[in-house]
Protein backbone atom coordinates (compact mmCIF):
# COMPACT_ATOMS: atom_id res chain seq x y z
CA UNK A 1 -0.01 -0.01 -0.02
CA UNK A 2 2.86 2.27 0.82
CA UNK A 3 4.23 1.83 -2.77
CA UNK A 4 0.79 2.56 -4.18
CA UNK A 5 0.47 5.80 -2.26
CA UNK A 6 3.96 6.84 -3.19
CA UNK A 7 3.25 6.12 -6.82
CA UNK A 8 0.00 8.02 -6.60
CA UNK A 9 1.72 11.02 -5.03
CA UNK A 10 4.14 11.15 -7.90
CA UNK A 11 1.41 10.90 -10.57
CA UNK A 12 -0.48 13.88 -9.07
CA UNK A 13 2.25 16.26 -10.38
CA UNK A 14 1.15 15.64 -13.94
CA UNK A 15 -2.51 16.25 -13.16
CA UNK A 16 -3.56 19.73 -14.37
CA UNK A 17 -6.06 20.12 -11.49
CA UNK A 18 -3.14 19.91 -9.03
CA UNK A 19 -1.67 23.16 -10.43
CA UNK A 20 -4.98 24.91 -10.91
CA UNK A 21 -5.41 24.73 -7.09
CA UNK A 22 -1.85 25.99 -6.52
CA UNK A 23 -1.26 29.13 -8.69
CA UNK A 24 2.23 29.72 -7.29
CA UNK A 25 3.40 26.32 -8.47
CA UNK A 26 1.67 26.91 -11.83
CA UNK A 27 3.61 30.16 -12.25
CA UNK A 28 6.85 28.43 -11.29
CA UNK A 29 6.16 25.69 -13.84
CA UNK A 30 5.51 28.29 -16.53
CA UNK A 31 8.76 30.11 -15.79
CA UNK A 32 10.68 26.84 -15.97
CA UNK A 33 9.06 26.10 -19.33
CA UNK A 34 9.90 29.55 -20.74
CA UNK A 35 13.51 29.37 -19.63
CA UNK A 36 13.81 25.84 -21.03
CA UNK A 37 12.38 26.99 -24.38
CA UNK A 38 14.80 29.94 -24.58
CA UNK A 39 17.68 27.65 -23.68
CA UNK A 40 16.78 25.13 -26.38
CA UNK A 41 16.22 27.92 -28.96
CA UNK A 42 19.57 29.51 -28.15
CA UNK A 43 21.31 26.15 -28.53
CA UNK A 44 19.70 25.60 -31.93
CA UNK A 45 20.75 29.10 -33.06
CA UNK A 46 24.32 28.40 -31.92
CA UNK A 47 24.31 25.14 -33.88
CA UNK A 48 23.08 26.89 -37.02
CA UNK A 49 25.66 29.63 -36.68
CA UNK A 50 28.34 27.05 -36.07
CA UNK A 51 27.28 25.13 -39.24
CA UNK A 52 27.39 28.39 -41.29
CA UNK A 53 30.85 29.20 -39.98
CA UNK A 54 32.00 25.61 -40.89
CA UNK A 55 30.55 26.06 -44.35
CA UNK A 56 32.35 29.37 -44.84
CA UNK A 57 35.63 27.86 -43.61
CA UNK A 58 35.17 24.96 -45.98
CA UNK A 59 34.66 27.33 -48.92
CA UNK A 60 37.76 29.26 -47.91
CA UNK A 61 39.80 26.02 -47.72
CA UNK A 62 38.65 25.09 -51.24
CA UNK A 63 39.52 28.58 -52.49
CA UNK A 64 42.99 28.36 -50.96
CA UNK A 65 43.47 24.88 -52.40
CA UNK A 66 42.56 26.19 -55.87
CA UNK A 67 44.94 29.10 -55.44
CA UNK A 68 47.70 26.71 -54.40
CA UNK A 69 47.09 24.58 -57.46
CA UNK A 70 47.29 27.68 -59.71
CA UNK A 71 50.60 28.60 -58.11
CA UNK A 72 51.90 25.03 -58.67
CA UNK A 73 50.79 25.16 -62.30
CA UNK A 74 52.46 28.47 -62.82
CA UNK A 75 49.14 30.22 -63.34
CA UNK A 76 49.30 32.27 -60.17
CA UNK A 77 49.99 36.01 -60.10
CA UNK A 78 53.48 36.79 -58.85
CA UNK A 79 53.84 39.36 -56.19
CA UNK A 80 50.17 39.14 -55.10
CA UNK A 81 49.46 40.73 -51.77
CA UNK A 82 46.33 40.26 -49.73
CA UNK A 83 44.93 42.82 -47.37
CA UNK A 84 41.52 43.16 -45.85
CA UNK A 85 39.44 46.10 -44.69
CA UNK A 86 35.89 46.43 -43.52
CA UNK A 87 33.24 48.50 -45.26
CA UNK A 88 29.57 48.51 -44.32
CA UNK A 89 29.87 45.22 -42.43
CA UNK A 90 31.30 43.37 -45.42
CA UNK A 91 34.81 42.08 -45.88
CA UNK A 92 36.30 43.92 -48.88
CA UNK A 93 39.10 41.94 -50.41
CA UNK A 94 41.67 44.04 -52.21
CA UNK A 95 44.64 42.72 -54.13
CA UNK A 96 47.71 44.37 -55.59
CA UNK A 97 49.01 42.51 -58.64
CA UNK A 98 52.35 42.49 -60.29
CA UNK A 99 50.94 41.11 -63.58
CA UNK A 100 52.20 41.02 -67.14
CA UNK A 101 53.10 44.65 -68.08
CA UNK A 102 51.70 44.13 -71.57
CA UNK A 103 48.39 42.96 -70.13
CA UNK A 104 48.35 45.93 -67.78
CA UNK A 105 49.00 48.33 -70.63
CA UNK A 106 46.24 46.79 -72.76
CA UNK A 107 43.85 46.77 -69.88
CA UNK A 108 44.39 50.50 -69.42
CA UNK A 109 43.71 51.05 -73.11
CA UNK A 110 40.39 49.26 -72.79
CA UNK A 111 39.59 51.24 -69.70
CA UNK A 112 40.34 54.44 -71.64
CA UNK A 113 37.90 53.22 -74.30
CA UNK A 114 35.23 52.72 -71.63
CA UNK A 115 35.88 56.20 -70.25
CA UNK A 116 35.53 57.66 -73.76
CA UNK A 117 32.28 55.79 -74.45
CA UNK A 118 30.87 56.60 -71.00
CA UNK A 119 31.84 60.30 -70.95
CA UNK A 120 30.28 60.72 -74.47
CA UNK A 121 27.10 59.10 -73.12
CA UNK A 122 27.16 61.36 -70.06
CA UNK A 123 27.68 64.45 -72.17
CA UNK A 124 25.18 63.86 -74.99
CA UNK A 125 22.62 61.22 -73.88
CA UNK A 126 22.48 61.19 -70.07
CA UNK A 127 19.42 59.19 -68.85
CA UNK A 128 18.48 58.08 -72.36
CA UNK A 129 18.73 54.50 -73.53
CA UNK A 130 21.46 54.93 -76.08
CA UNK A 131 23.70 57.54 -77.68
CA UNK A 132 23.75 58.47 -81.34
CA UNK A 133 27.36 59.69 -81.52
CA UNK A 134 27.24 61.21 -84.98
CA UNK A 135 24.31 63.48 -84.22
CA UNK A 136 25.32 63.79 -80.53
CA UNK A 137 21.90 63.03 -79.07
CA UNK A 138 20.20 60.37 -76.99
CA UNK A 139 17.49 58.02 -78.16
CA UNK A 140 15.08 55.89 -76.05
CA UNK A 141 15.35 52.54 -77.80
CA UNK A 142 13.95 50.76 -74.73
CA UNK A 143 11.27 53.12 -73.50
CA UNK A 144 13.54 55.52 -71.63
CA UNK A 145 14.87 53.11 -68.99
CA UNK A 146 18.41 54.40 -69.16
CA UNK A 147 19.55 51.17 -70.80
CA UNK A 148 23.19 52.25 -71.42
CA UNK A 149 23.50 53.60 -67.87
CA UNK A 150 22.16 50.45 -66.21
CA UNK A 151 24.07 48.21 -68.60
CA UNK A 152 27.27 50.05 -67.66
CA UNK A 153 26.97 49.93 -63.85
CA UNK A 154 28.96 46.71 -63.30
CA UNK A 155 31.55 47.62 -65.99
CA UNK A 156 32.23 50.87 -64.20
CA UNK A 157 32.44 49.09 -60.86
CA UNK A 158 34.77 46.32 -62.11
CA UNK A 159 37.09 48.89 -63.73
CA UNK A 160 37.22 50.90 -60.51
CA UNK A 161 35.60 53.98 -62.03
CA UNK A 162 34.11 55.09 -58.70
CA UNK A 163 33.05 58.64 -59.57
CA UNK A 164 31.26 57.53 -62.69
CA UNK A 165 29.60 54.67 -60.81
CA UNK A 166 28.33 57.05 -58.09
CA UNK A 167 26.87 59.50 -60.62
CA UNK A 168 25.08 56.60 -62.25
CA UNK A 169 23.84 55.35 -58.87
CA UNK A 170 22.44 58.80 -58.07
CA UNK A 171 20.53 58.79 -61.37
CA UNK A 172 19.07 55.33 -60.57
CA UNK A 173 18.03 56.63 -57.12
CA UNK A 174 16.43 59.88 -58.29
CA UNK A 175 15.33 59.45 -61.89
CA UNK A 176 14.83 55.80 -62.81
CA UNK A 177 11.08 55.31 -63.26
CA UNK A 178 9.53 52.14 -64.66
CA UNK A 179 5.93 53.37 -64.67
CA UNK A 180 5.94 54.00 -68.42
CA UNK A 181 3.26 53.46 -71.03
CA UNK A 182 5.72 51.49 -73.15
CA UNK A 183 5.55 48.06 -74.72
CA UNK A 184 8.82 46.54 -73.57
CA UNK A 185 10.62 43.43 -74.73
CA UNK A 186 10.45 41.05 -71.77
CA UNK A 187 13.78 39.46 -72.79
CA UNK A 188 15.73 42.65 -73.47
CA UNK A 189 14.41 44.31 -70.32
CA UNK A 190 15.31 41.25 -68.25
CA UNK A 191 18.89 40.77 -69.47
CA UNK A 192 19.78 44.48 -69.56
CA UNK A 193 17.80 46.06 -66.76
CA UNK A 194 17.06 43.27 -64.24
CA UNK A 195 20.44 41.68 -64.90
CA UNK A 196 22.33 44.99 -64.72
CA UNK A 197 20.69 46.01 -61.46
CA UNK A 198 21.21 42.58 -59.84
CA UNK A 199 24.86 42.58 -60.84
CA UNK A 200 25.32 46.06 -59.40
CA UNK A 201 23.76 44.79 -56.16
CA UNK A 202 25.96 41.68 -55.98
CA UNK A 203 29.08 43.75 -56.59
CA UNK A 204 28.35 46.74 -54.40
CA UNK A 205 25.90 45.46 -51.78
CA UNK A 206 23.73 48.57 -52.34
CA UNK A 207 20.07 47.53 -51.73
CA UNK A 208 18.82 50.35 -53.97
CA UNK A 209 19.72 48.19 -56.98
CA UNK A 210 17.90 45.17 -55.61
CA UNK A 211 14.75 47.20 -54.91
CA UNK A 212 14.77 48.58 -58.44
CA UNK A 213 15.31 45.10 -59.91
CA UNK A 214 12.25 43.83 -57.99
CA UNK A 215 10.19 46.80 -59.23
CA UNK A 216 10.81 46.14 -62.91
CA UNK A 217 10.57 42.33 -62.53
CA UNK A 218 7.13 42.68 -60.94
CA UNK A 219 6.02 44.63 -64.03
CA UNK A 220 7.25 41.84 -66.34
CA UNK A 221 5.70 38.90 -64.41
CA UNK A 222 2.22 38.98 -66.05
CA UNK A 223 3.87 37.96 -69.35
CA UNK A 224 4.15 34.43 -67.92
CA UNK A 225 0.40 34.15 -67.31
CA UNK A 226 -0.33 31.86 -70.26
CA UNK A 227 -1.96 28.39 -70.37
CA UNK A 228 1.42 26.74 -70.96
CA UNK A 229 3.56 29.04 -68.84
CA UNK A 230 5.57 30.01 -71.96
CA UNK A 231 5.63 33.81 -71.69
CA UNK A 232 4.54 36.39 -74.19
CA UNK A 233 7.49 38.46 -75.37
CA UNK A 234 6.11 42.00 -75.06
CA UNK A 235 4.38 43.72 -72.13
CA UNK A 236 3.31 47.24 -71.31
CA UNK A 237 5.28 48.38 -68.27
CA UNK A 238 2.47 50.54 -66.92
CA UNK A 239 -0.68 48.60 -67.80
CA UNK A 240 0.46 45.00 -68.25
CA UNK A 241 -1.31 43.63 -71.33
CA UNK A 242 1.27 41.10 -72.55
CA UNK A 243 1.26 40.00 -76.19
CA UNK A 244 3.56 38.74 -78.93
CA UNK A 245 4.79 40.71 -81.96
CA UNK A 246 2.61 40.43 -85.01
CA UNK A 247 5.32 39.10 -87.30
CA UNK A 248 5.68 35.85 -85.35
CA UNK A 249 2.11 34.81 -86.09
CA UNK A 250 1.22 34.87 -82.41
CA UNK A 251 4.14 32.62 -81.41
CA UNK A 252 6.72 33.33 -78.77
CA UNK A 253 10.43 33.29 -79.66
CA UNK A 254 12.60 30.57 -78.07
CA UNK A 255 15.46 32.78 -76.88
CA UNK A 256 13.13 35.53 -75.71
CA UNK A 257 10.92 33.09 -73.74
CA UNK A 258 13.48 30.76 -72.18
CA UNK A 259 16.43 33.02 -71.26
CA UNK A 260 15.28 34.68 -68.05
CA UNK A 261 16.34 31.93 -65.60
CA UNK A 262 19.55 33.49 -64.30
CA UNK A 263 18.00 36.83 -63.48
CA UNK A 264 14.71 35.62 -61.95
CA UNK A 265 16.27 32.78 -59.99
CA UNK A 266 18.78 35.25 -58.58
CA UNK A 267 15.97 37.63 -57.69
CA UNK A 268 14.16 34.90 -55.77
CA UNK A 269 17.34 34.02 -53.90
CA UNK A 270 18.01 37.60 -52.93
CA UNK A 271 14.45 38.55 -51.98
CA UNK A 272 13.30 35.25 -50.54
CA UNK A 273 10.22 35.38 -52.80
CA UNK A 274 9.98 32.19 -54.88
CA UNK A 275 7.49 33.57 -57.46
CA UNK A 276 10.17 34.76 -59.82
CA UNK A 277 11.99 31.46 -59.85
CA UNK A 278 8.75 29.51 -60.25
CA UNK A 279 7.72 31.40 -63.35
CA UNK A 280 10.97 30.89 -65.24
CA UNK A 281 11.57 27.29 -64.12
CA UNK A 282 8.08 26.30 -65.24
CA UNK A 283 9.14 27.29 -68.74
CA UNK A 284 12.01 24.78 -68.66
CA UNK A 285 9.70 22.10 -67.20
CA UNK A 286 7.25 22.65 -70.05
CA UNK A 287 9.94 22.49 -72.69
CA UNK A 288 11.51 19.42 -71.04
CA UNK A 289 8.16 17.61 -71.16
CA UNK A 290 8.49 17.15 -74.94
CA UNK A 291 12.24 17.77 -75.33
CA UNK A 292 13.49 16.16 -78.57
CA UNK A 293 16.23 13.52 -78.62
CA UNK A 294 18.68 15.93 -80.29
CA UNK A 295 17.81 18.80 -77.87
CA UNK A 296 17.27 21.24 -80.72
CA UNK A 297 14.18 23.43 -80.64
CA UNK A 298 12.77 25.60 -83.41
CA UNK A 299 12.72 29.30 -82.65
CA UNK A 300 8.91 29.65 -82.52
CA UNK A 301 6.79 28.26 -79.62
CA UNK A 302 3.03 28.46 -79.17
CA UNK A 303 2.40 30.10 -75.74
CA UNK A 304 -1.09 28.62 -75.52
CA UNK A 305 -0.14 24.97 -76.07
CA UNK A 306 3.59 25.02 -75.32
CA UNK A 307 4.30 23.31 -78.60
CA UNK A 308 6.98 24.29 -81.12
CA UNK A 309 6.15 25.47 -84.58
CA UNK A 310 7.84 24.69 -87.93
CA UNK A 311 10.69 27.23 -88.02
CA UNK A 312 14.42 27.61 -88.04
CA UNK A 313 16.71 25.76 -85.64
CA UNK A 314 19.73 27.92 -84.91
CA UNK A 315 22.43 28.82 -82.42
CA UNK A 316 22.22 32.35 -83.80
CA UNK A 317 19.51 34.99 -83.54
CA UNK A 318 16.34 33.95 -81.62
CA UNK A 319 17.72 30.61 -80.48
CA UNK A 320 21.16 31.32 -78.99
CA UNK A 321 20.63 32.17 -75.32
CA UNK A 322 18.23 29.30 -74.65
CA UNK A 323 21.12 26.87 -74.90
CA UNK A 324 23.43 29.22 -73.04
CA UNK A 325 21.07 29.47 -70.08
CA UNK A 326 20.65 25.70 -69.77
CA UNK A 327 24.34 25.50 -68.96
CA UNK A 328 24.53 28.68 -66.93
CA UNK A 329 21.49 27.87 -64.72
CA UNK A 330 23.35 24.67 -63.74
CA UNK A 331 26.47 26.71 -62.94
CA UNK A 332 24.43 29.36 -61.14
CA UNK A 333 23.01 26.65 -58.83
CA UNK A 334 26.56 25.50 -58.07
CA UNK A 335 25.98 22.27 -60.02
CA UNK A 336 23.84 20.71 -57.28
CA UNK A 337 21.23 17.97 -57.77
CA UNK A 338 18.51 20.63 -57.76
CA UNK A 339 19.77 21.96 -61.11
CA UNK A 340 20.90 18.63 -62.63
CA UNK A 341 18.04 18.69 -65.16
CA UNK A 342 19.52 21.81 -66.73
CA UNK A 343 22.82 20.08 -67.32
CA UNK A 344 21.07 17.01 -68.71
CA UNK A 345 19.08 19.10 -71.18
CA UNK A 346 22.21 21.01 -72.19
CA UNK A 347 24.20 17.87 -72.89
CA UNK A 348 21.34 16.60 -75.06
CA UNK A 349 21.39 19.89 -76.98
CA UNK A 350 25.12 19.62 -77.46
CA UNK A 351 24.63 16.25 -79.20
CA UNK A 352 22.29 18.15 -81.51
CA UNK A 353 24.88 20.91 -81.99
CA UNK A 354 27.41 18.31 -83.15
CA UNK A 355 24.95 17.30 -85.91
CA UNK A 356 24.99 20.90 -87.23
CA UNK A 357 28.78 21.26 -87.38
CA UNK A 358 30.35 21.34 -90.81
CA UNK A 359 33.80 22.25 -92.12
CA UNK A 360 34.73 24.31 -95.15
CA UNK A 361 37.12 23.67 -98.01
CA UNK A 362 39.90 24.33 -98.47
CA UNK A 363 40.73 25.68 -94.97
CA UNK A 364 38.54 23.37 -92.91
CA UNK A 365 36.90 26.14 -90.87
CA UNK A 366 34.37 24.64 -88.48
CA UNK A 367 30.98 26.32 -88.34
CA UNK A 368 27.48 25.71 -86.95
CA UNK A 369 24.83 25.58 -89.63
CA UNK A 370 21.14 26.33 -89.33
CA UNK A 371 18.35 23.84 -89.96
CA UNK A 372 14.82 24.10 -91.31
CA UNK A 373 13.05 20.78 -91.31
CA UNK A 374 15.58 18.30 -92.71
CA UNK A 375 17.50 20.93 -94.73
CA UNK A 376 20.80 22.41 -93.46
CA UNK A 377 21.65 25.97 -94.36
CA UNK A 378 25.39 26.75 -94.55
CA UNK A 379 24.98 30.03 -92.66
CA UNK A 380 26.29 31.13 -89.25
CA UNK A 381 25.50 34.33 -87.36
CA UNK A 382 28.19 36.24 -85.53
CA UNK A 383 25.74 35.91 -82.65
CA UNK A 384 26.46 32.17 -82.67
CA UNK A 385 30.09 32.97 -81.82
CA UNK A 386 29.08 32.77 -78.17
CA UNK A 387 29.11 28.99 -78.65
CA UNK A 388 32.87 28.43 -78.43
CA UNK A 389 32.86 30.05 -74.99
CA UNK A 390 29.83 28.08 -73.92
CA UNK A 391 31.37 24.77 -75.06
CA UNK A 392 34.64 25.52 -73.27
CA UNK A 393 32.76 26.50 -70.08
CA UNK A 394 30.65 23.33 -70.18
CA UNK A 395 33.42 20.91 -71.22
CA UNK A 396 34.63 20.42 -67.63
CA UNK A 397 31.34 18.70 -66.69
CA UNK A 398 32.15 15.74 -68.98
CA UNK A 399 34.52 12.84 -68.53
CA UNK A 400 38.09 13.29 -69.90
CA UNK A 401 37.45 12.13 -73.49
CA UNK A 402 34.21 14.04 -74.03
CA UNK A 403 35.67 17.10 -72.27
CA UNK A 404 38.60 17.17 -74.67
CA UNK A 405 36.33 16.68 -77.67
CA UNK A 406 34.17 19.65 -76.81
CA UNK A 407 37.10 21.87 -75.81
CA UNK A 408 38.75 21.10 -79.16
CA UNK A 409 35.54 21.98 -80.99
CA UNK A 410 35.36 25.23 -79.02
CA UNK A 411 38.88 26.12 -80.16
CA UNK A 412 38.03 25.29 -83.79
CA UNK A 413 34.92 27.43 -83.75
CA UNK A 414 36.77 30.34 -82.09
CA UNK A 415 39.28 30.25 -84.90
CA UNK A 416 36.41 30.54 -87.39
CA UNK A 417 34.85 33.42 -85.50
CA UNK A 418 38.20 35.23 -85.33
CA UNK A 419 38.47 34.84 -89.07
CA UNK A 420 35.08 36.46 -89.46
CA UNK A 421 36.99 39.56 -88.40
CA UNK A 422 40.21 38.90 -90.26
CA UNK A 423 38.48 38.22 -93.56
CA UNK A 424 37.23 41.82 -94.07
CA UNK A 425 39.15 44.99 -95.07
CA UNK A 426 38.21 46.67 -91.75
CA UNK A 427 39.08 43.56 -89.70
CA UNK A 428 35.59 43.78 -88.16
CA UNK A 429 33.09 40.98 -88.58
CA UNK A 430 29.83 41.13 -90.47
CA UNK A 431 26.51 40.12 -88.93
CA UNK A 432 26.49 36.67 -90.61
CA UNK A 433 28.49 34.51 -92.99
CA UNK A 434 27.83 31.93 -95.69
CA UNK A 435 30.15 29.01 -96.39
CA UNK A 436 31.42 27.05 -99.42
CA UNK A 437 30.12 29.68 -101.81
CA UNK A 438 31.96 29.81 -105.16
CA UNK A 439 34.87 27.82 -103.77
CA UNK A 440 35.54 30.27 -100.95
CA UNK A 441 35.74 29.28 -97.28
CA UNK A 442 33.38 32.03 -96.13
CA UNK A 443 31.70 35.16 -97.47
CA UNK A 444 29.97 37.97 -95.63
CA UNK A 445 26.21 37.82 -95.76
CA UNK A 446 24.75 40.83 -93.91
CA UNK A 447 27.70 43.21 -93.86
CA UNK A 448 27.03 45.52 -90.92
CA UNK A 449 28.83 45.45 -87.57
CA UNK A 450 27.04 46.87 -84.53
CA UNK A 451 29.82 46.48 -81.95
CA UNK A 452 28.80 42.93 -80.97
CA UNK A 453 30.70 41.09 -78.19
CA UNK A 454 30.17 37.38 -78.95
CA UNK A 455 33.61 36.52 -80.36
CA UNK A 456 35.41 38.49 -77.66
CA UNK A 457 33.23 36.68 -75.06
CA UNK A 458 34.44 33.33 -76.30
CA UNK A 459 38.05 34.45 -76.42
CA UNK A 460 37.69 35.49 -72.77
CA UNK A 461 36.42 32.07 -71.72
CA UNK A 462 39.01 30.19 -73.72
CA UNK A 463 41.83 32.27 -72.28
CA UNK A 464 40.54 31.79 -68.73
CA UNK A 465 40.12 28.04 -69.16
CA UNK A 466 43.19 27.13 -71.19
CA UNK A 467 45.70 29.88 -70.29
CA UNK A 468 46.58 30.14 -74.00
CA UNK A 469 47.68 33.77 -74.60
CA UNK A 470 46.86 33.40 -78.31
CA UNK A 471 43.30 34.30 -77.40
CA UNK A 472 44.52 37.51 -75.83
CA UNK A 473 46.35 38.40 -79.04
CA UNK A 474 43.23 37.82 -81.11
CA UNK A 475 41.17 39.94 -78.71
CA UNK A 476 43.75 42.74 -78.90
CA UNK A 477 43.58 42.69 -82.71
CA UNK A 478 39.81 42.99 -82.57
CA UNK A 479 40.01 45.85 -80.04
CA UNK A 480 42.42 47.73 -82.32
CA UNK A 481 40.02 47.26 -85.22
CA UNK A 482 37.28 48.86 -83.11
CA UNK A 483 39.56 51.69 -82.22
CA UNK A 484 40.49 52.32 -85.87
CA UNK A 485 37.05 52.05 -87.43
CA UNK A 486 34.48 52.82 -84.73
CA UNK A 487 35.96 55.40 -82.39
CA UNK A 488 34.96 58.97 -83.12
CA UNK A 489 35.19 62.17 -81.12
CA UNK A 490 31.77 61.66 -79.46
CA UNK A 491 31.75 57.89 -78.73
CA UNK A 492 31.82 54.67 -80.72
CA UNK A 493 29.73 53.82 -83.77
CA UNK A 494 28.99 50.62 -85.68
CA UNK A 495 29.62 50.11 -89.39
CA UNK A 496 27.00 49.93 -92.09
CA UNK A 497 29.43 47.90 -94.16
CA UNK A 498 32.54 46.10 -92.89
CA UNK A 499 33.93 46.08 -96.46
CA UNK A 500 33.82 49.85 -97.03
CA UNK A 501 34.01 51.08 -93.38
CA UNK A 502 30.97 53.37 -93.76
CA UNK A 503 29.85 54.21 -90.22
CA UNK A 504 26.35 54.20 -88.70
CA UNK A 505 25.06 56.46 -85.87
CA UNK A 506 24.47 54.19 -82.86
CA UNK A 507 26.48 53.19 -79.80
CA UNK A 508 24.72 50.06 -78.63
CA UNK A 509 24.38 49.69 -74.87
CA UNK A 510 25.93 46.19 -75.04
CA UNK A 511 29.20 47.70 -76.30
CA UNK A 512 29.75 49.08 -72.77
CA UNK A 513 28.08 46.16 -71.01
CA UNK A 514 29.69 43.30 -72.86
CA UNK A 515 32.33 44.08 -75.51
CA UNK A 516 34.48 46.39 -73.40
CA UNK A 517 33.96 44.38 -70.23
CA UNK A 518 35.06 41.11 -71.81
CA UNK A 519 38.04 42.86 -73.37
CA UNK A 520 39.02 44.32 -69.97
CA UNK A 521 38.72 40.90 -68.28
CA UNK A 522 40.66 39.30 -71.12
CA UNK A 523 43.69 41.32 -70.03
CA UNK A 524 43.05 41.02 -66.25
CA UNK A 525 44.12 38.30 -63.78
CA UNK A 526 41.70 35.38 -63.53
CA UNK A 527 40.99 36.30 -59.90
CA UNK A 528 38.98 39.27 -61.15
CA UNK A 529 35.40 37.93 -61.29
CA UNK A 530 36.56 34.29 -60.95
CA UNK A 531 34.43 31.78 -62.87
CA UNK A 532 33.96 29.51 -59.87
CA UNK A 533 32.22 32.32 -57.97
CA UNK A 534 30.34 34.29 -60.66
CA UNK A 535 28.26 33.46 -63.74
CA UNK A 536 27.69 35.98 -66.54
CA UNK A 537 24.18 36.48 -67.91
CA UNK A 538 23.83 36.85 -71.68
CA UNK A 539 24.35 40.60 -71.33
CA UNK A 540 27.70 39.95 -69.54
CA UNK A 541 26.34 40.97 -66.12
CA UNK A 542 28.16 38.84 -63.46
CA UNK A 543 25.82 37.25 -60.90
CA UNK A 544 27.10 35.62 -57.74
CA UNK A 545 26.86 31.80 -57.70
CA UNK A 546 24.70 30.50 -54.84
CA UNK A 547 24.18 26.79 -54.13
CA UNK A 548 20.70 25.49 -54.82
CA UNK A 549 19.44 23.25 -52.02
CA UNK A 550 15.81 22.99 -53.07
CA UNK A 551 14.77 19.55 -54.20
CA UNK A 552 15.63 18.37 -57.68
CA UNK A 553 12.87 18.60 -60.22
CA UNK A 554 11.95 15.57 -62.26
CA UNK A 555 8.32 16.10 -63.20
CA UNK A 556 5.28 18.20 -62.46
CA UNK A 557 5.13 21.93 -62.04
CA UNK A 558 6.73 22.32 -58.62
CA UNK A 559 10.19 23.76 -58.30
CA UNK A 560 10.62 23.39 -54.57
CA UNK A 561 11.47 26.06 -52.09
CA UNK A 562 14.18 28.66 -52.45
CA UNK A 563 16.47 29.12 -49.46
CA UNK A 564 16.79 32.64 -48.15
CA UNK A 565 19.71 34.44 -49.69
CA UNK A 566 22.68 35.65 -47.70
CA UNK A 567 24.32 38.44 -49.72
CA UNK A 568 27.86 37.45 -50.60
CA UNK A 569 30.72 39.48 -49.21
CA UNK A 570 31.75 42.33 -51.45
CA UNK A 571 34.69 41.55 -53.69
CA UNK A 572 36.54 44.42 -55.31
CA UNK A 573 39.43 42.61 -56.96
CA UNK A 574 39.12 45.03 -59.86
CA UNK A 575 40.84 47.67 -57.86
CA UNK A 576 44.36 46.58 -58.74
CA UNK A 577 46.33 49.04 -60.81
CA UNK A 578 43.54 51.64 -60.82
CA UNK A 579 44.61 55.20 -60.68
């Protein structure tokens, strides 16, 4: 009986009525519960912080191991000094480089070209989309969104042009207004404006740029409200009302509809709002549902049904960046399982690319043809000269044999693209080329040059990935041709004809965003915007790589959850050698 009473006395402490009759003990129990909760919560927070610190240390160990390997291979920068300072709570890494004096000299020449282009824009077209250098006035090619200014933000930052960057930042803060009754290209606005603002944010840490990127992206989002999820390509920035251009027969364009992943995924990561990522990843899921065995899609897609229409297959205009973004979305997600389907689709498309490769006689120039139905057209756009860089960048994801095969093809195609330039009297490339015509290797088709960056882009990647300085020499020759034929007193102009050298009256915004940036990086140490930490969008805006830990997508419409974004520490490696 004694054991029973003792047991009963113990059990009474878990009876609620016991405490209701004794309020002091109830209060004491509540206090114990609260303190216990806070203790457990604090321990969990400490564990999370500890895990984050371990992760950071692990990343730093990998970075140092890579640096050590570079030094062993002779690819390191001699005389490199590290010093750290703090700015705004971020660690700012600054480096002083004793690099190749020829590279340093060439880099300064490119920087001077940027200053000339930028100061001409400031003087004659401030706040407008683009400069017409001959008539010395600004034009609003993109609805008055300051396209050249926004496109130039990261180039100014990377080159260390602080005063120019700050003036541009002030304009963004005080004058940039997206509430315009203007039918904007969803694609062009995304890659130039959203991409430019996100890159400026990742580089500088200034939240103004992120807020502006969110503002314009929210205005673009209704374009994805279609039965298939394939977006319309035009939308009014003030009223919405998305639609497609009349000349496509109501269809959406492949490159315009499936090349927004980098920007919108990055925006979801940085804001914590998954809606941007969901819109653009649903496009890839829809295309993957009926993805062909050769991975090649026609340039026209029906936004109602999600089906492709009979039209050209090309790695040039209207097809190019779709294939580029399959690879780069995989890189942007740090090559985790969550983005594995992007890599799988890209590798399938590269099998298709191989089927389009032909070689000329007598010089055996490799080129990528275009296909309509079963017919191959021996034509290649200069726009398709992004492909050598893409192939080089993606080659490391294969096994040794396949990797070498694609890298070799990249080098062959780069040689062809360089000869697009060398084959004309001005040493500047035309817009497209035809092959095996009248016994010649290549002939200019459309003969204008509008300061495009694609060949220089590929030379940049090949130099970074192979260390072969030949690519720097080719890039320098192209830069000199621009200086000779396109530089005038009030900026840079394109050519109406690369054979005669007759000039046009437009300085395209991508000349500052892409062409000059890639040339500058071509003569800079590889630690400036390193490719294992940044990925370039198709407008050459570097976006910080962030691991994707949401679940991998295999079917259905779900893309999982986006982890909250921790803004990377500011890196200003571009400050070496800046006066």
